[in-house]
């Protein structure tokens, strides 16, 4: 079965066009009659979820898939909807791997948005997330440590990293001490 790719509605994210998952899904449902998109929870625990989405053709043969993982509480949306966000990301990847809505990259909207935040200055990031102050926990520790390591690679001192984190997060003294030991061996 051959289909011509239709130009889908997109949004501009830092100068690149991105086709949102809802647009990809509408195109898939209206164009590929008889095909299905199925979600499977690969892993779920107290802190994260991993979902695999698979596209099946009209004969129920798997033809494309995508996998996504989300950490509970790692972002504003993941405070309340990390399961739904993960499924949407997995759908987006499966649809992209199938060839729907990709021109430049396969990244999900959240991945693009996170990349944008990582490329922004600290001041811009603080302004964007001011109202979303989160409690540091074991559940978001890995994400926070990765962020701290990225700041360290950019030449920030431990005190500067703490100042940046404390603007966005209610820090936990024990977890901060653990993080410092893991990063600096002190």
N, C-alpha and C. Protein backbone atom coordinates (compact mmCIF):
# COMPACT_ATOMS: atom_id res chain seq x y z
N UNK A 1 0.84 -1.16 0.00
CA UNK A 1 0.00 0.00 0.00
C UNK A 1 0.89 1.23 0.00
N UNK A 2 0.75 2.12 -1.00
CA UNK A 2 1.56 3.31 -1.12
C UNK A 2 0.72 4.55 -0.90
N UNK A 3 1.25 5.48 -0.11
CA UNK A 3 0.55 6.72 0.17
C UNK A 3 1.49 7.89 -0.08
N UNK A 4 0.93 8.97 -0.56
CA UNK A 4 1.70 10.19 -0.75
C UNK A 4 1.66 10.96 0.58
N UNK A 5 2.81 11.45 1.01
CA UNK A 5 2.87 12.19 2.27
C UNK A 5 2.22 13.55 2.10
N UNK A 6 1.27 13.83 2.97
CA UNK A 6 0.57 15.10 2.99
C UNK A 6 1.34 16.07 3.87
N UNK A 7 1.38 17.34 3.48
CA UNK A 7 2.00 18.37 4.32
C UNK A 7 1.12 18.57 5.55
N UNK A 8 1.67 18.34 6.73
CA UNK A 8 0.93 18.44 7.97
C UNK A 8 1.20 19.76 8.67
N UNK A 9 0.23 20.21 9.45
CA UNK A 9 0.35 21.44 10.23
C UNK A 9 1.51 21.28 11.21
N UNK A 10 2.34 22.30 11.32
CA UNK A 10 3.49 22.23 12.21
C UNK A 10 3.60 23.51 13.02
N UNK A 11 4.44 23.44 14.04
CA UNK A 11 4.75 24.61 14.87
C UNK A 11 6.25 24.85 14.79
N UNK A 12 6.63 26.09 14.99
CA UNK A 12 8.04 26.46 14.93
C UNK A 12 8.62 26.40 16.33
N UNK A 13 9.68 25.60 16.49
CA UNK A 13 10.39 25.53 17.76
C UNK A 13 11.86 25.84 17.45
N UNK A 14 12.29 27.01 17.88
CA UNK A 14 13.65 27.49 17.66
C UNK A 14 14.07 27.37 16.19
N UNK A 15 13.21 27.83 15.31
CA UNK A 15 13.54 27.89 13.89
C UNK A 15 13.34 26.59 13.13
N UNK A 16 12.89 25.54 13.79
CA UNK A 16 12.65 24.26 13.11
C UNK A 16 11.17 23.92 13.20
N UNK A 17 10.65 23.38 12.12
CA UNK A 17 9.24 23.00 12.10
C UNK A 17 9.07 21.63 12.76
N UNK A 18 8.06 21.54 13.60
CA UNK A 18 7.77 20.30 14.32
C UNK A 18 6.29 19.98 14.15
N UNK A 19 5.99 18.76 13.74
CA UNK A 19 4.60 18.31 13.60
C UNK A 19 4.21 17.65 14.92
N UNK A 20 3.23 18.24 15.59
CA UNK A 20 2.80 17.71 16.88
C UNK A 20 2.15 16.34 16.71
N UNK A 21 2.18 15.56 17.79
CA UNK A 21 1.68 14.19 17.75
C UNK A 21 0.20 14.15 17.37
N UNK A 22 -0.60 15.09 17.85
CA UNK A 22 -2.03 15.05 17.51
C UNK A 22 -2.24 15.19 16.01
N UNK A 23 -1.41 15.98 15.32
CA UNK A 23 -1.51 16.11 13.86
C UNK A 23 -1.07 14.82 13.17
N UNK A 24 -0.01 14.20 13.66
CA UNK A 24 0.46 12.92 13.11
C UNK A 24 -0.63 11.85 13.25
N UNK A 25 -1.24 11.83 14.45
CA UNK A 25 -2.27 10.83 14.74
C UNK A 25 -3.50 11.02 13.86
N UNK A 26 -3.95 12.26 13.68
CA UNK A 26 -5.10 12.52 12.80
C UNK A 26 -4.80 12.05 11.38
N UNK A 27 -3.60 12.35 10.89
CA UNK A 27 -3.22 11.92 9.55
C UNK A 27 -3.19 10.39 9.45
N UNK A 28 -2.61 9.74 10.44
CA UNK A 28 -2.54 8.28 10.46
C UNK A 28 -3.94 7.66 10.42
N UNK A 29 -4.83 8.13 11.30
CA UNK A 29 -6.19 7.57 11.39
C UNK A 29 -6.99 7.79 10.10
N UNK A 30 -6.81 8.94 9.46
CA UNK A 30 -7.61 9.23 8.26
C UNK A 30 -7.01 8.62 6.99
N UNK A 31 -5.73 8.34 6.99
CA UNK A 31 -5.06 7.84 5.79
C UNK A 31 -4.87 6.33 5.78
N UNK A 32 -4.55 5.77 6.91
CA UNK A 32 -4.20 4.35 6.99
C UNK A 32 -5.35 3.57 7.62
N UNK A 33 -6.45 3.50 6.90
CA UNK A 33 -7.65 2.80 7.37
C UNK A 33 -7.31 1.32 7.55
N UNK A 34 -7.70 0.77 8.69
CA UNK A 34 -7.42 -0.64 8.97
C UNK A 34 -6.11 -0.85 9.71
N UNK A 35 -5.26 0.15 9.74
CA UNK A 35 -4.02 0.06 10.50
C UNK A 35 -4.33 0.38 11.96
N UNK A 36 -3.46 -0.05 12.87
CA UNK A 36 -3.70 0.24 14.28
C UNK A 36 -2.42 0.70 14.96
N UNK A 37 -2.61 1.40 16.04
CA UNK A 37 -1.52 1.89 16.87
C UNK A 37 -1.79 1.39 18.29
N UNK A 38 -0.94 0.52 18.78
CA UNK A 38 -1.14 -0.12 20.08
C UNK A 38 -0.03 0.29 21.05
N UNK A 39 -0.42 0.51 22.30
CA UNK A 39 0.54 0.88 23.35
C UNK A 39 0.72 -0.28 24.31
N UNK A 40 1.95 -0.43 24.78
CA UNK A 40 2.27 -1.48 25.74
C UNK A 40 3.16 -0.89 26.82
N UNK A 41 2.79 -1.06 28.08
CA UNK A 41 3.63 -0.61 29.18
C UNK A 41 4.75 -1.64 29.33
N UNK A 42 5.98 -1.19 29.08
CA UNK A 42 7.14 -2.06 29.17
C UNK A 42 7.62 -2.16 30.62
N UNK A 43 7.58 -1.02 31.32
CA UNK A 43 8.01 -0.99 32.71
C UNK A 43 7.33 0.18 33.41
N UNK A 44 6.90 -0.04 34.62
CA UNK A 44 6.39 1.03 35.47
C UNK A 44 6.82 0.74 36.88
N UNK A 45 7.29 1.79 37.57
CA UNK A 45 7.68 1.64 38.96
C UNK A 45 7.31 2.93 39.70
N UNK A 46 7.82 3.11 40.89
CA UNK A 46 7.45 4.28 41.69
C UNK A 46 7.91 5.60 41.08
N UNK A 47 8.91 5.55 40.22
CA UNK A 47 9.50 6.81 39.73
C UNK A 47 9.37 7.04 38.23
N UNK A 48 9.14 6.00 37.45
CA UNK A 48 9.11 6.21 35.99
C UNK A 48 8.23 5.17 35.29
N UNK A 49 8.03 5.44 34.01
CA UNK A 49 7.27 4.52 33.16
C UNK A 49 7.95 4.47 31.79
N UNK A 50 7.92 3.30 31.18
CA UNK A 50 8.41 3.12 29.82
C UNK A 50 7.28 2.49 29.01
N UNK A 51 6.97 3.10 27.88
CA UNK A 51 5.89 2.61 27.01
C UNK A 51 6.42 2.42 25.60
N UNK A 52 5.99 1.32 25.00
CA UNK A 52 6.31 1.04 23.59
C UNK A 52 5.01 1.14 22.80
N UNK A 53 5.05 1.88 21.70
CA UNK A 53 3.90 1.97 20.80
C UNK A 53 4.28 1.29 19.49
N UNK A 54 3.38 0.49 18.97
CA UNK A 54 3.64 -0.25 17.73
C UNK A 54 2.52 -0.01 16.74
N UNK A 55 2.90 0.23 15.49
CA UNK A 55 1.93 0.38 14.40
C UNK A 55 1.84 -0.97 13.67
N UNK A 56 0.60 -1.41 13.48
CA UNK A 56 0.33 -2.65 12.76
C UNK A 56 -0.40 -2.31 11.47
N UNK A 57 -0.06 -3.03 10.39
CA UNK A 57 -0.78 -2.80 9.13
C UNK A 57 -2.14 -3.48 9.18
N UNK A 58 -2.86 -3.44 8.07
CA UNK A 58 -4.22 -3.99 8.04
C UNK A 58 -4.26 -5.51 8.14
N UNK A 59 -3.09 -6.17 8.09
CA UNK A 59 -3.02 -7.62 8.29
C UNK A 59 -2.43 -7.95 9.67
N UNK A 60 -2.33 -6.92 10.51
CA UNK A 60 -1.81 -7.02 11.88
C UNK A 60 -0.33 -7.39 11.96
N UNK A 61 0.44 -7.01 10.92
CA UNK A 61 1.88 -7.16 10.94
C UNK A 61 2.49 -5.90 11.56
N UNK A 62 3.40 -6.05 12.52
CA UNK A 62 4.04 -4.86 13.08
C UNK A 62 4.94 -4.21 12.02
N UNK A 63 4.80 -2.89 11.84
CA UNK A 63 5.60 -2.25 10.80
C UNK A 63 6.43 -1.06 11.29
N UNK A 64 6.14 -0.55 12.48
CA UNK A 64 6.95 0.52 13.06
C UNK A 64 6.66 0.58 14.55
N UNK A 65 7.65 1.04 15.31
CA UNK A 65 7.44 1.17 16.75
C UNK A 65 8.24 2.36 17.28
N UNK A 66 7.90 2.72 18.49
CA UNK A 66 8.62 3.79 19.17
C UNK A 66 8.53 3.53 20.67
N UNK A 67 9.54 3.94 21.37
CA UNK A 67 9.57 3.72 22.81
C UNK A 67 9.87 5.05 23.50
N UNK A 68 9.29 5.23 24.67
CA UNK A 68 9.51 6.46 25.43
C UNK A 68 9.55 6.13 26.91
N UNK A 69 10.24 6.98 27.65
CA UNK A 69 10.29 6.85 29.11
C UNK A 69 10.10 8.22 29.72
N UNK A 70 9.33 8.29 30.77
CA UNK A 70 9.11 9.53 31.50
C UNK A 70 9.34 9.29 32.98
N UNK A 71 9.89 10.29 33.65
CA UNK A 71 10.13 10.23 35.08
C UNK A 71 9.05 11.04 35.78
N UNK A 72 8.40 10.41 36.72
CA UNK A 72 7.32 11.06 37.49
C UNK A 72 7.87 12.30 38.19
N UNK A 73 7.19 13.44 37.97
CA UNK A 73 7.58 14.68 38.63
C UNK A 73 8.77 15.40 38.04
N UNK A 74 9.30 14.93 36.90
CA UNK A 74 10.51 15.54 36.33
C UNK A 74 10.24 16.84 35.59
N UNK A 75 8.99 17.14 35.31
CA UNK A 75 8.64 18.39 34.65
C UNK A 75 7.25 18.79 35.13
N UNK A 76 6.82 19.97 34.73
CA UNK A 76 5.51 20.45 35.15
C UNK A 76 4.42 19.47 34.74
N UNK A 77 4.42 19.04 33.49
CA UNK A 77 3.40 18.12 32.99
C UNK A 77 3.52 16.75 33.66
N UNK A 78 4.73 16.33 33.96
CA UNK A 78 4.94 15.00 34.56
C UNK A 78 4.60 14.94 36.04
N UNK A 79 4.29 16.08 36.63
CA UNK A 79 3.84 16.07 38.03
C UNK A 79 2.49 15.36 38.15
N UNK A 80 1.64 15.53 37.13
CA UNK A 80 0.29 14.95 37.20
C UNK A 80 0.00 13.96 36.08
N UNK A 81 0.74 14.02 34.97
CA UNK A 81 0.35 13.24 33.78
C UNK A 81 1.53 12.54 33.11
N UNK A 82 2.44 11.99 33.90
CA UNK A 82 3.61 11.37 33.29
C UNK A 82 3.27 10.13 32.46
N UNK A 83 2.23 9.40 32.84
CA UNK A 83 1.82 8.21 32.09
C UNK A 83 1.29 8.62 30.71
N UNK A 84 0.38 9.59 30.70
CA UNK A 84 -0.21 10.07 29.44
C UNK A 84 0.85 10.70 28.56
N UNK A 85 1.74 11.47 29.16
CA UNK A 85 2.81 12.12 28.41
C UNK A 85 3.73 11.07 27.77
N UNK A 86 4.01 10.02 28.50
CA UNK A 86 4.87 8.95 27.98
C UNK A 86 4.21 8.24 26.80
N UNK A 87 2.92 7.95 26.93
CA UNK A 87 2.22 7.28 25.83
C UNK A 87 2.21 8.16 24.58
N UNK A 88 1.94 9.45 24.76
CA UNK A 88 1.94 10.37 23.62
C UNK A 88 3.32 10.41 22.96
N UNK A 89 4.37 10.45 23.76
CA UNK A 89 5.73 10.45 23.21
C UNK A 89 6.02 9.16 22.44
N UNK A 90 5.58 8.02 22.98
CA UNK A 90 5.79 6.74 22.28
C UNK A 90 5.02 6.73 20.96
N UNK A 91 3.78 7.24 20.97
CA UNK A 91 3.02 7.33 19.71
C UNK A 91 3.77 8.19 18.71
N UNK A 92 4.24 9.35 19.16
CA UNK A 92 4.96 10.26 18.27
C UNK A 92 6.17 9.59 17.64
N UNK A 93 6.91 8.83 18.42
CA UNK A 93 8.08 8.14 17.89
C UNK A 93 7.69 7.04 16.89
N UNK A 94 6.66 6.28 17.22
CA UNK A 94 6.20 5.22 16.31
C UNK A 94 5.74 5.84 14.99
N UNK A 95 4.95 6.91 15.06
CA UNK A 95 4.46 7.57 13.85
C UNK A 95 5.61 8.17 13.05
N UNK A 96 6.60 8.73 13.75
CA UNK A 96 7.77 9.27 13.06
C UNK A 96 8.57 8.16 12.39
N UNK A 97 8.74 7.04 13.09
CA UNK A 97 9.46 5.91 12.50
C UNK A 97 8.72 5.32 11.30
N UNK A 98 7.41 5.50 11.29
CA UNK A 98 6.58 5.09 10.17
C UNK A 98 6.69 6.10 9.01
N UNK A 99 7.21 7.28 9.33
CA UNK A 99 7.43 8.31 8.30
C UNK A 99 6.44 9.45 8.33
N UNK A 100 5.62 9.53 9.36
CA UNK A 100 4.61 10.59 9.43
C UNK A 100 5.13 11.75 10.28
N UNK A 101 5.17 12.92 9.65
CA UNK A 101 5.50 14.14 10.36
C UNK A 101 6.95 14.38 10.65
N UNK A 102 7.83 13.77 9.87
CA UNK A 102 9.25 14.02 10.08
C UNK A 102 9.84 14.69 8.84
N UNK A 103 10.53 15.77 9.08
CA UNK A 103 11.28 16.42 8.02
C UNK A 103 12.74 16.51 8.43
N UNK A 104 12.95 16.91 9.69
CA UNK A 104 14.32 17.11 10.15
C UNK A 104 14.74 16.13 11.23
N UNK A 105 13.81 15.72 12.07
CA UNK A 105 14.19 14.89 13.22
C UNK A 105 13.02 14.05 13.71
N UNK A 106 13.32 13.06 14.54
CA UNK A 106 12.31 12.18 15.09
C UNK A 106 11.95 12.57 16.53
N UNK A 107 12.62 13.55 17.08
CA UNK A 107 12.42 13.93 18.48
C UNK A 107 10.98 14.31 18.77
N UNK A 108 10.54 13.99 20.00
CA UNK A 108 9.21 14.39 20.44
C UNK A 108 9.20 15.87 20.80
N UNK A 109 8.02 16.44 20.91
CA UNK A 109 7.89 17.85 21.29
C UNK A 109 8.58 18.10 22.62
N UNK A 110 8.40 17.20 23.59
CA UNK A 110 9.02 17.39 24.90
C UNK A 110 10.54 17.34 24.81
N UNK A 111 11.07 16.46 23.98
CA UNK A 111 12.51 16.40 23.81
C UNK A 111 13.03 17.69 23.20
N UNK A 112 12.31 18.22 22.21
CA UNK A 112 12.69 19.48 21.59
C UNK A 112 12.61 20.61 22.62
N UNK A 113 11.54 20.64 23.39
CA UNK A 113 11.37 21.68 24.40
C UNK A 113 12.47 21.58 25.46
N UNK A 114 12.82 20.35 25.88
CA UNK A 114 13.89 20.18 26.86
C UNK A 114 15.23 20.62 26.28
N UNK A 115 15.47 20.31 25.02
CA UNK A 115 16.71 20.76 24.37
C UNK A 115 16.76 22.28 24.34
N UNK A 116 15.62 22.89 24.06
CA UNK A 116 15.54 24.35 24.05
C UNK A 116 15.91 24.89 25.43
N UNK A 117 15.37 24.30 26.49
CA UNK A 117 15.69 24.74 27.84
C UNK A 117 17.17 24.57 28.15
N UNK A 118 17.76 23.45 27.70
CA UNK A 118 19.17 23.21 27.96
C UNK A 118 20.07 24.20 27.22
N UNK A 119 19.59 24.72 26.08
CA UNK A 119 20.37 25.67 25.30
C UNK A 119 20.14 27.11 25.77
N UNK A 120 19.11 27.33 26.53
CA UNK A 120 18.78 28.67 27.00
C UNK A 120 19.73 29.08 28.12
N UNK A 121 19.80 30.37 28.35
CA UNK A 121 20.60 30.85 29.47
C UNK A 121 19.88 30.49 30.77
N UNK A 122 20.61 30.46 31.84
CA UNK A 122 20.02 30.14 33.14
C UNK A 122 18.88 31.10 33.45
N UNK A 123 19.05 32.38 33.15
CA UNK A 123 18.01 33.38 33.43
C UNK A 123 16.73 33.04 32.68
N UNK A 124 16.83 32.67 31.39
CA UNK A 124 15.64 32.31 30.61
C UNK A 124 14.95 31.08 31.18
N UNK A 125 15.73 30.09 31.58
CA UNK A 125 15.16 28.87 32.15
C UNK A 125 14.41 29.19 33.43
N UNK A 126 15.02 29.99 34.29
CA UNK A 126 14.39 30.35 35.56
C UNK A 126 13.07 31.05 35.31
N UNK A 127 13.03 31.96 34.35
CA UNK A 127 11.79 32.67 34.03
C UNK A 127 10.70 31.71 33.55
N UNK A 128 11.08 30.72 32.73
CA UNK A 128 10.10 29.80 32.18
C UNK A 128 9.52 28.86 33.22
N UNK A 129 10.30 28.51 34.24
CA UNK A 129 9.84 27.52 35.20
C UNK A 129 9.62 28.07 36.60
N UNK A 130 9.60 29.38 36.74
CA UNK A 130 9.45 30.01 38.05
C UNK A 130 8.27 29.47 38.84
N UNK A 131 7.16 29.28 38.16
CA UNK A 131 5.94 28.88 38.85
C UNK A 131 5.82 27.36 39.03
N UNK A 132 6.85 26.62 38.69
CA UNK A 132 6.75 25.16 38.75
C UNK A 132 7.77 24.56 39.73
N UNK A 133 8.02 25.23 40.83
CA UNK A 133 9.00 24.74 41.80
C UNK A 133 8.60 23.36 42.30
N UNK A 134 9.54 22.43 42.25
CA UNK A 134 9.32 21.03 42.56
C UNK A 134 10.13 20.63 43.78
N UNK A 135 9.66 19.64 44.50
CA UNK A 135 10.39 19.08 45.64
C UNK A 135 11.41 18.07 45.11
N UNK A 136 12.66 18.21 45.50
CA UNK A 136 13.68 17.23 45.14
C UNK A 136 13.34 15.92 45.82
N UNK A 137 13.42 14.82 45.05
CA UNK A 137 13.10 13.50 45.61
C UNK A 137 13.93 12.44 44.92
N UNK A 138 13.85 11.22 45.44
CA UNK A 138 14.54 10.11 44.78
C UNK A 138 13.98 9.90 43.38
N UNK A 139 12.71 10.24 43.20
CA UNK A 139 12.06 10.06 41.90
C UNK A 139 12.61 10.96 40.81
N UNK A 140 13.04 12.17 41.15
CA UNK A 140 13.57 13.08 40.13
C UNK A 140 15.07 13.28 40.28
N UNK A 141 15.70 12.53 41.15
CA UNK A 141 17.13 12.67 41.44
C UNK A 141 17.98 12.49 40.18
N UNK A 142 17.72 11.45 39.40
CA UNK A 142 18.55 11.17 38.21
C UNK A 142 18.48 12.32 37.21
N UNK A 143 17.30 12.87 37.02
CA UNK A 143 17.14 13.99 36.09
C UNK A 143 17.88 15.22 36.62
N UNK A 144 17.76 15.47 37.92
CA UNK A 144 18.43 16.62 38.52
C UNK A 144 19.95 16.46 38.48
N UNK A 145 20.42 15.24 38.70
CA UNK A 145 21.87 15.01 38.66
C UNK A 145 22.40 15.24 37.25
N UNK A 146 21.64 14.80 36.25
CA UNK A 146 22.06 15.01 34.86
C UNK A 146 22.13 16.50 34.55
N UNK A 147 21.15 17.24 35.03
CA UNK A 147 21.15 18.69 34.85
C UNK A 147 22.37 19.31 35.53
N UNK A 148 22.66 18.87 36.76
CA UNK A 148 23.81 19.39 37.50
C UNK A 148 25.11 19.06 36.75
N UNK A 149 25.20 17.85 36.21
CA UNK A 149 26.39 17.46 35.45
C UNK A 149 26.54 18.31 34.19
N UNK A 150 25.44 18.63 33.55
CA UNK A 150 25.49 19.51 32.37
C UNK A 150 26.00 20.90 32.75
N UNK A 151 25.54 21.43 33.88
CA UNK A 151 26.03 22.73 34.35
C UNK A 151 27.52 22.66 34.69
N UNK A 152 27.94 21.54 35.27
CA UNK A 152 29.36 21.37 35.61
C UNK A 152 30.21 21.36 34.34
N UNK A 153 29.73 20.68 33.29
CA UNK A 153 30.46 20.64 32.02
C UNK A 153 30.59 22.04 31.41
N UNK A 154 29.61 22.90 31.72
CA UNK A 154 29.65 24.28 31.21
C UNK A 154 30.51 25.19 32.08
N UNK A 155 31.20 24.60 33.09
CA UNK A 155 32.12 25.36 33.91
C UNK A 155 31.55 25.94 35.18
N UNK A 156 30.34 25.56 35.55
CA UNK A 156 29.73 26.07 36.78
C UNK A 156 30.35 25.38 37.99
N UNK A 157 30.52 26.15 39.06
CA UNK A 157 31.01 25.57 40.32
C UNK A 157 29.84 24.89 41.03
N UNK A 158 30.16 24.11 42.07
CA UNK A 158 29.11 23.44 42.83
C UNK A 158 28.16 24.46 43.44
N UNK A 159 28.69 25.56 43.98
CA UNK A 159 27.85 26.59 44.58
C UNK A 159 26.92 27.22 43.54
N UNK A 160 27.43 27.44 42.34
CA UNK A 160 26.60 28.00 41.26
C UNK A 160 25.50 27.01 40.86
N UNK A 161 25.86 25.73 40.81
CA UNK A 161 24.89 24.69 40.46
C UNK A 161 23.78 24.65 41.51
N UNK A 162 24.15 24.70 42.78
CA UNK A 162 23.16 24.71 43.86
C UNK A 162 22.24 25.92 43.76
N UNK A 163 22.81 27.07 43.46
CA UNK A 163 22.00 28.29 43.32
C UNK A 163 21.00 28.14 42.18
N UNK A 164 21.44 27.58 41.07
CA UNK A 164 20.55 27.37 39.92
C UNK A 164 19.43 26.40 40.30
N UNK A 165 19.80 25.27 40.92
CA UNK A 165 18.80 24.27 41.28
C UNK A 165 17.81 24.82 42.30
N UNK A 166 18.28 25.59 43.26
CA UNK A 166 17.39 26.06 44.32
C UNK A 166 16.38 27.08 43.82
N UNK A 167 16.63 27.69 42.66
CA UNK A 167 15.64 28.60 42.09
C UNK A 167 14.44 27.85 41.55
N UNK A 168 14.64 26.59 41.19
CA UNK A 168 13.58 25.79 40.57
C UNK A 168 13.07 24.65 41.44
N UNK A 169 13.85 24.30 42.45
CA UNK A 169 13.56 23.09 43.20
C UNK A 169 13.72 23.35 44.70
N UNK A 170 12.87 22.73 45.49
CA UNK A 170 13.03 22.72 46.93
C UNK A 170 14.01 21.58 47.22
N UNK A 171 15.22 21.94 47.60
CA UNK A 171 16.29 20.95 47.72
C UNK A 171 16.16 20.11 48.99
N UNK A 172 16.62 18.86 48.88
CA UNK A 172 16.66 17.93 49.99
C UNK A 172 18.13 17.80 50.40
N UNK A 173 18.46 18.16 51.62
CA UNK A 173 19.85 18.21 52.08
C UNK A 173 20.58 16.89 51.87
N UNK A 174 19.97 15.78 52.26
CA UNK A 174 20.60 14.46 52.12
C UNK A 174 20.86 14.12 50.64
N UNK A 175 19.88 14.38 49.78
CA UNK A 175 20.06 14.08 48.35
C UNK A 175 21.11 14.99 47.72
N UNK A 176 21.17 16.25 48.15
CA UNK A 176 22.19 17.17 47.65
C UNK A 176 23.58 16.67 48.05
N UNK A 177 23.72 16.22 49.31
CA UNK A 177 25.00 15.68 49.77
C UNK A 177 25.40 14.45 48.96
N UNK A 178 24.43 13.56 48.71
CA UNK A 178 24.70 12.36 47.91
C UNK A 178 25.14 12.74 46.50
N UNK A 179 24.46 13.71 45.92
CA UNK A 179 24.79 14.14 44.56
C UNK A 179 26.21 14.69 44.50
N UNK A 180 26.56 15.52 45.47
CA UNK A 180 27.90 16.10 45.49
C UNK A 180 28.96 15.01 45.60
N UNK A 181 28.71 14.02 46.48
CA UNK A 181 29.66 12.90 46.63
C UNK A 181 29.83 12.15 45.32
N UNK A 182 28.70 11.89 44.63
CA UNK A 182 28.76 11.16 43.37
C UNK A 182 29.46 11.96 42.27
N UNK A 183 29.27 13.26 42.27
CA UNK A 183 29.84 14.08 41.20
C UNK A 183 31.30 14.46 41.47
N UNK A 184 31.64 14.72 42.74
CA UNK A 184 32.95 15.25 43.09
C UNK A 184 33.79 14.29 43.95
N UNK A 185 33.16 13.24 44.45
CA UNK A 185 33.88 12.30 45.30
C UNK A 185 34.18 12.86 46.69
N UNK A 186 33.42 13.92 47.08
CA UNK A 186 33.66 14.56 48.39
C UNK A 186 32.47 14.33 49.29
